[in-house]
Amino acid sequence: MCLGLLRFLFPLILILGTIPRESDGQFEDWCIADEQTPDEELQRAVDWACRNGADCSKIEVNQPCYLPNTVKDHASFAFNSYFQKMKHKGGNCYFNAAALLTALDPSHGSCKFEVLP
């Protein structure tokens, strides 16, 4: 019974997930760290993102996104930087299940998370 329902729902979820959402005439999604992911996994994903296209200079000491100095906050910035730069080249917001998309801008104070159409 459960497997049959799953076979029905999975394609439906995939289809619904591809329908674009519109917000003020633009598509705006940010990629952030999943709070349930352990810090060690987040750090590995941050290291990968920073080596593979993310601009991680803003999460360095004395830069606008260094504080709060937590793995989760740094991961969110690095994941979003990678996602925004690479999404039109096949990049995604997965990071081995350590990240998720949000329609809420995670920017705070002088730390601005970019969003590219």
N, C-alpha and C. Protein backbone atom coordinates (compact mmCIF):
# COMPACT_ATOMS: atom_id res chain seq x y z
N MET A 1 0.83 -1.20 0.00
CA MET A 1 0.00 0.00 0.00
C MET A 1 0.86 1.25 0.00
N CYS A 2 1.83 1.31 0.89
CA CYS A 2 2.69 2.48 1.00
C CYS A 2 3.54 2.67 -0.25
N LEU A 3 4.06 1.61 -0.81
CA LEU A 3 4.89 1.68 -2.01
C LEU A 3 4.07 2.18 -3.20
N GLY A 4 2.83 1.73 -3.32
CA GLY A 4 1.95 2.18 -4.40
C GLY A 4 1.68 3.67 -4.30
N LEU A 5 1.44 4.16 -3.11
CA LEU A 5 1.21 5.58 -2.90
C LEU A 5 2.45 6.38 -3.23
N LEU A 6 3.61 5.87 -2.84
CA LEU A 6 4.88 6.53 -3.13
C LEU A 6 5.12 6.60 -4.63
N ARG A 7 4.80 5.54 -5.35
CA ARG A 7 4.98 5.53 -6.81
C ARG A 7 4.08 6.57 -7.48
N PHE A 8 2.95 6.85 -6.89
CA PHE A 8 2.05 7.86 -7.41
C PHE A 8 2.51 9.27 -7.03
N LEU A 9 2.90 9.45 -5.79
CA LEU A 9 3.24 10.78 -5.30
C LEU A 9 4.59 11.29 -5.82
N PHE A 10 5.58 10.41 -5.96
CA PHE A 10 6.91 10.86 -6.37
C PHE A 10 6.90 11.61 -7.70
N PRO A 11 6.29 11.07 -8.77
CA PRO A 11 6.26 11.84 -10.02
C PRO A 11 5.49 13.15 -9.88
N LEU A 12 4.43 13.14 -9.08
CA LEU A 12 3.66 14.36 -8.86
C LEU A 12 4.50 15.42 -8.17
N ILE A 13 5.28 15.02 -7.17
CA ILE A 13 6.15 15.95 -6.46
C ILE A 13 7.21 16.50 -7.41
N LEU A 14 7.77 15.64 -8.25
CA LEU A 14 8.77 16.09 -9.22
C LEU A 14 8.18 17.13 -10.17
N ILE A 15 6.99 16.88 -10.65
CA ILE A 15 6.34 17.82 -11.58
C ILE A 15 6.06 19.14 -10.88
N LEU A 16 5.48 19.07 -9.70
CA LEU A 16 5.15 20.30 -8.96
C LEU A 16 6.41 21.07 -8.59
N GLY A 17 7.50 20.37 -8.33
CA GLY A 17 8.75 21.03 -7.98
C GLY A 17 9.38 21.78 -9.12
N THR A 18 8.97 21.49 -10.35
CA THR A 18 9.54 22.19 -11.50
C THR A 18 8.73 23.40 -11.92
N ILE A 19 7.55 23.57 -11.33
CA ILE A 19 6.74 24.75 -11.66
C ILE A 19 7.36 25.95 -10.98
N PRO A 20 7.76 26.95 -11.78
CA PRO A 20 8.42 28.11 -11.19
C PRO A 20 7.48 28.92 -10.31
N ARG A 21 8.06 29.44 -9.23
CA ARG A 21 7.33 30.35 -8.37
C ARG A 21 7.73 31.76 -8.76
N GLU A 22 6.81 32.68 -8.68
CA GLU A 22 7.13 34.05 -9.04
C GLU A 22 7.02 34.92 -7.81
N SER A 23 7.99 35.80 -7.65
CA SER A 23 8.01 36.71 -6.51
C SER A 23 8.39 38.09 -7.02
N ASP A 24 7.47 39.03 -6.98
CA ASP A 24 7.72 40.38 -7.47
C ASP A 24 8.26 40.38 -8.90
N GLY A 25 7.77 39.47 -9.72
CA GLY A 25 8.20 39.43 -11.10
C GLY A 25 9.54 38.75 -11.32
N GLN A 26 10.18 38.27 -10.26
CA GLN A 26 11.47 37.61 -10.39
C GLN A 26 11.44 36.28 -9.66
N PHE A 27 12.34 35.40 -10.08
CA PHE A 27 12.50 34.13 -9.39
C PHE A 27 13.63 34.32 -8.41
N GLU A 28 13.36 34.17 -7.14
CA GLU A 28 14.39 34.39 -6.14
C GLU A 28 14.43 33.22 -5.18
N ASP A 29 15.53 32.49 -5.24
CA ASP A 29 15.79 31.40 -4.31
C ASP A 29 17.22 31.53 -3.82
N TRP A 30 17.41 31.30 -2.55
CA TRP A 30 18.74 31.28 -1.95
C TRP A 30 18.99 29.87 -1.46
N CYS A 31 20.24 29.48 -1.47
CA CYS A 31 20.66 28.16 -1.01
C CYS A 31 21.30 28.33 0.36
N ILE A 32 20.78 27.64 1.35
CA ILE A 32 21.30 27.77 2.71
C ILE A 32 21.58 26.40 3.31
N ALA A 33 22.35 26.39 4.37
CA ALA A 33 22.67 25.15 5.08
C ALA A 33 21.43 24.62 5.79
N ASP A 34 21.30 23.32 5.77
CA ASP A 34 20.24 22.64 6.52
C ASP A 34 20.70 22.58 7.98
N GLU A 35 19.92 23.13 8.88
CA GLU A 35 20.30 23.20 10.30
C GLU A 35 20.48 21.83 10.94
N GLN A 36 19.92 20.80 10.33
CA GLN A 36 20.02 19.46 10.91
C GLN A 36 21.32 18.75 10.54
N THR A 37 22.09 19.35 9.64
CA THR A 37 23.33 18.72 9.20
C THR A 37 24.44 18.97 10.22
N PRO A 38 25.17 17.94 10.61
CA PRO A 38 26.27 18.12 11.57
C PRO A 38 27.36 19.07 11.02
N ASP A 39 28.01 19.79 11.92
CA ASP A 39 29.04 20.76 11.52
C ASP A 39 30.15 20.14 10.67
N GLU A 40 30.53 18.91 10.98
CA GLU A 40 31.62 18.28 10.23
C GLU A 40 31.24 18.12 8.75
N GLU A 41 30.00 17.70 8.50
CA GLU A 41 29.53 17.56 7.12
C GLU A 41 29.42 18.92 6.45
N LEU A 42 28.91 19.91 7.18
CA LEU A 42 28.81 21.26 6.62
C LEU A 42 30.18 21.78 6.23
N GLN A 43 31.17 21.58 7.10
CA GLN A 43 32.51 22.08 6.83
C GLN A 43 33.10 21.43 5.57
N ARG A 44 32.89 20.14 5.42
CA ARG A 44 33.38 19.47 4.20
C ARG A 44 32.72 20.06 2.96
N ALA A 45 31.43 20.34 3.05
CA ALA A 45 30.71 20.92 1.92
C ALA A 45 31.15 22.36 1.65
N VAL A 46 31.44 23.12 2.70
CA VAL A 46 31.95 24.49 2.54
C VAL A 46 33.30 24.44 1.82
N ASP A 47 34.17 23.58 2.26
CA ASP A 47 35.49 23.45 1.64
C ASP A 47 35.34 23.13 0.15
N TRP A 48 34.44 22.22 -0.18
CA TRP A 48 34.22 21.86 -1.57
C TRP A 48 33.68 23.05 -2.37
N ALA A 49 32.66 23.73 -1.81
CA ALA A 49 32.06 24.87 -2.51
C ALA A 49 33.09 25.97 -2.77
N CYS A 50 33.93 26.24 -1.77
CA CYS A 50 34.94 27.30 -1.91
C CYS A 50 36.00 26.93 -2.94
N ARG A 51 36.27 25.65 -3.13
CA ARG A 51 37.24 25.21 -4.14
C ARG A 51 36.64 25.11 -5.54
N ASN A 52 35.31 25.13 -5.62
CA ASN A 52 34.66 24.84 -6.89
C ASN A 52 33.75 25.95 -7.41
N GLY A 53 34.02 27.18 -7.05
CA GLY A 53 33.28 28.28 -7.67
C GLY A 53 32.66 29.30 -6.73
N ALA A 54 32.47 28.96 -5.47
CA ALA A 54 31.89 29.92 -4.53
C ALA A 54 32.91 31.02 -4.22
N ASP A 55 32.43 32.24 -4.03
CA ASP A 55 33.29 33.33 -3.58
C ASP A 55 33.21 33.35 -2.06
N CYS A 56 34.22 32.80 -1.42
CA CYS A 56 34.23 32.67 0.04
C CYS A 56 35.01 33.78 0.73
N SER A 57 35.42 34.78 -0.01
CA SER A 57 36.21 35.87 0.57
C SER A 57 35.43 36.65 1.63
N LYS A 58 34.09 36.71 1.51
CA LYS A 58 33.30 37.48 2.46
C LYS A 58 33.07 36.77 3.80
N ILE A 59 33.47 35.50 3.89
CA ILE A 59 33.33 34.80 5.19
C ILE A 59 34.67 34.69 5.90
N GLU A 60 35.68 35.40 5.39
CA GLU A 60 36.98 35.44 6.06
C GLU A 60 36.95 36.47 7.19
N VAL A 61 37.90 36.37 8.12
CA VAL A 61 37.98 37.28 9.27
C VAL A 61 37.96 38.73 8.79
N ASN A 62 37.21 39.57 9.51
CA ASN A 62 37.06 41.01 9.24
C ASN A 62 36.32 41.33 7.95
N GLN A 63 35.63 40.35 7.38
CA GLN A 63 34.83 40.60 6.18
C GLN A 63 33.35 40.62 6.57
N PRO A 64 32.48 41.17 5.72
CA PRO A 64 31.08 41.41 6.12
C PRO A 64 30.27 40.19 6.53
N CYS A 65 30.64 39.00 6.10
CA CYS A 65 29.85 37.81 6.44
C CYS A 65 30.58 36.85 7.37
N TYR A 66 31.65 37.32 7.99
CA TYR A 66 32.39 36.47 8.94
C TYR A 66 31.56 36.21 10.19
N LEU A 67 30.87 37.23 10.66
CA LEU A 67 30.03 37.08 11.86
C LEU A 67 28.58 36.87 11.47
N PRO A 68 27.85 36.02 12.12
CA PRO A 68 28.31 35.17 13.21
C PRO A 68 29.26 34.08 12.70
N ASN A 69 30.28 33.84 13.48
CA ASN A 69 31.33 32.89 13.12
C ASN A 69 30.90 31.47 13.50
N THR A 70 29.97 30.94 12.72
CA THR A 70 29.52 29.56 12.92
C THR A 70 29.66 28.81 11.60
N VAL A 71 29.82 27.52 11.70
CA VAL A 71 29.92 26.70 10.48
C VAL A 71 28.64 26.83 9.67
N LYS A 72 27.50 26.81 10.34
CA LYS A 72 26.22 26.91 9.65
C LYS A 72 26.10 28.21 8.88
N ASP A 73 26.45 29.32 9.49
CA ASP A 73 26.35 30.62 8.81
C ASP A 73 27.32 30.72 7.64
N HIS A 74 28.54 30.26 7.84
CA HIS A 74 29.52 30.29 6.76
C HIS A 74 29.10 29.35 5.63
N ALA A 75 28.54 28.20 5.99
CA ALA A 75 28.07 27.26 4.99
C ALA A 75 26.95 27.87 4.16
N SER A 76 26.02 28.53 4.81
CA SER A 76 24.92 29.15 4.06
C SER A 76 25.46 30.15 3.05
N PHE A 77 26.41 30.97 3.45
CA PHE A 77 26.95 31.95 2.51
C PHE A 77 27.68 31.26 1.35
N ALA A 78 28.52 30.29 1.67
CA ALA A 78 29.28 29.59 0.63
C ALA A 78 28.35 28.80 -0.30
N PHE A 79 27.37 28.12 0.26
CA PHE A 79 26.44 27.36 -0.57
C PHE A 79 25.69 28.29 -1.52
N ASN A 80 25.22 29.41 -1.00
CA ASN A 80 24.48 30.33 -1.85
C ASN A 80 25.36 30.93 -2.93
N SER A 81 26.58 31.28 -2.58
CA SER A 81 27.50 31.83 -3.58
C SER A 81 27.71 30.83 -4.71
N TYR A 82 27.98 29.60 -4.36
CA TYR A 82 28.17 28.55 -5.37
C TYR A 82 26.91 28.40 -6.22
N PHE A 83 25.78 28.26 -5.55
CA PHE A 83 24.51 28.03 -6.25
C PHE A 83 24.19 29.17 -7.23
N GLN A 84 24.33 30.41 -6.78
CA GLN A 84 24.00 31.55 -7.65
C GLN A 84 24.93 31.59 -8.87
N LYS A 85 26.21 31.33 -8.66
CA LYS A 85 27.18 31.39 -9.76
C LYS A 85 27.08 30.20 -10.71
N MET A 86 26.66 29.06 -10.21
CA MET A 86 26.72 27.83 -11.01
C MET A 86 25.36 27.27 -11.44
N LYS A 87 24.27 27.85 -11.00
CA LYS A 87 22.97 27.25 -11.29
C LYS A 87 22.64 27.19 -12.78
N HIS A 88 23.16 28.11 -13.57
CA HIS A 88 22.90 28.08 -15.01
C HIS A 88 23.92 27.23 -15.76
N LYS A 89 24.85 26.65 -15.03
CA LYS A 89 25.86 25.77 -15.62
C LYS A 89 25.69 24.34 -15.12
N GLY A 90 24.55 24.05 -14.54
CA GLY A 90 24.28 22.71 -14.04
C GLY A 90 24.51 22.53 -12.55
N GLY A 91 24.97 23.58 -11.85
CA GLY A 91 25.17 23.50 -10.41
C GLY A 91 23.83 23.47 -9.68
N ASN A 92 23.83 22.91 -8.48
CA ASN A 92 22.59 22.84 -7.72
C ASN A 92 22.82 23.18 -6.26
N CYS A 93 21.77 23.07 -5.48
CA CYS A 93 21.81 23.36 -4.05
C CYS A 93 21.60 22.06 -3.28
N TYR A 94 22.51 21.13 -3.46
CA TYR A 94 22.35 19.84 -2.80
C TYR A 94 23.41 19.64 -1.72
N PHE A 95 24.67 19.68 -2.09
CA PHE A 95 25.79 19.55 -1.16
C PHE A 95 25.64 18.31 -0.26
N ASN A 96 25.37 17.19 -0.93
CA ASN A 96 25.24 15.92 -0.22
C ASN A 96 24.16 15.99 0.87
N ALA A 97 23.03 16.61 0.52
CA ALA A 97 21.87 16.77 1.41
C ALA A 97 22.12 17.70 2.59
N ALA A 98 23.14 18.56 2.49
CA ALA A 98 23.45 19.49 3.59
C ALA A 98 22.83 20.87 3.38
N ALA A 99 22.13 21.07 2.25
CA ALA A 99 21.60 22.39 1.93
C ALA A 99 20.16 22.29 1.45
N LEU A 100 19.49 23.42 1.44
CA LEU A 100 18.13 23.50 0.94
C LEU A 100 17.87 24.89 0.38
N LEU A 101 16.85 24.98 -0.48
CA LEU A 101 16.47 26.27 -1.06
C LEU A 101 15.46 26.96 -0.17
N THR A 102 15.54 28.29 -0.16
CA THR A 102 14.57 29.10 0.56
C THR A 102 14.21 30.31 -0.29
N ALA A 103 12.98 30.77 -0.15
CA ALA A 103 12.54 31.99 -0.82
C ALA A 103 12.73 33.20 0.09
N LEU A 104 13.22 32.97 1.31
CA LEU A 104 13.46 34.06 2.27
C LEU A 104 14.92 34.49 2.20
N ASP A 105 15.15 35.76 1.95
CA ASP A 105 16.51 36.29 1.84
C ASP A 105 17.24 36.11 3.18
N PRO A 106 18.35 35.37 3.19
CA PRO A 106 19.09 35.14 4.44
C PRO A 106 20.07 36.25 4.78
N SER A 107 20.11 37.32 3.99
CA SER A 107 21.02 38.43 4.27
C SER A 107 20.77 38.99 5.67
N HIS A 108 21.82 39.51 6.29
CA HIS A 108 21.69 40.10 7.62
C HIS A 108 22.75 41.17 7.79
N GLY A 109 22.36 42.29 8.35
CA GLY A 109 23.31 43.39 8.55
C GLY A 109 24.03 43.75 7.26
N SER A 110 25.36 43.80 7.32
CA SER A 110 26.14 44.14 6.12
C SER A 110 26.44 42.92 5.26
N CYS A 111 25.98 41.75 5.67
CA CYS A 111 26.20 40.52 4.91
C CYS A 111 25.05 40.32 3.93
N LYS A 112 25.32 40.56 2.67
CA LYS A 112 24.30 40.44 1.63
C LYS A 112 24.51 39.16 0.83
N PHE A 113 23.50 38.34 0.78
CA PHE A 113 23.53 37.12 -0.01
C PHE A 113 23.03 37.47 -1.42
N GLU A 114 23.85 37.19 -2.41
CA GLU A 114 23.43 37.54 -3.76
C GLU A 114 22.35 36.61 -4.26
N VAL A 115 21.57 37.13 -5.19
CA VAL A 115 20.58 36.33 -5.88
C VAL A 115 20.65 36.75 -7.34
N LEU A 116 20.85 35.77 -8.21
CA LEU A 116 20.96 36.05 -9.64
C LEU A 116 19.78 35.42 -10.36
N PRO A 117 19.20 36.15 -11.30
CA PRO A 117 18.05 35.58 -12.04
C PRO A 117 18.46 34.40 -12.89
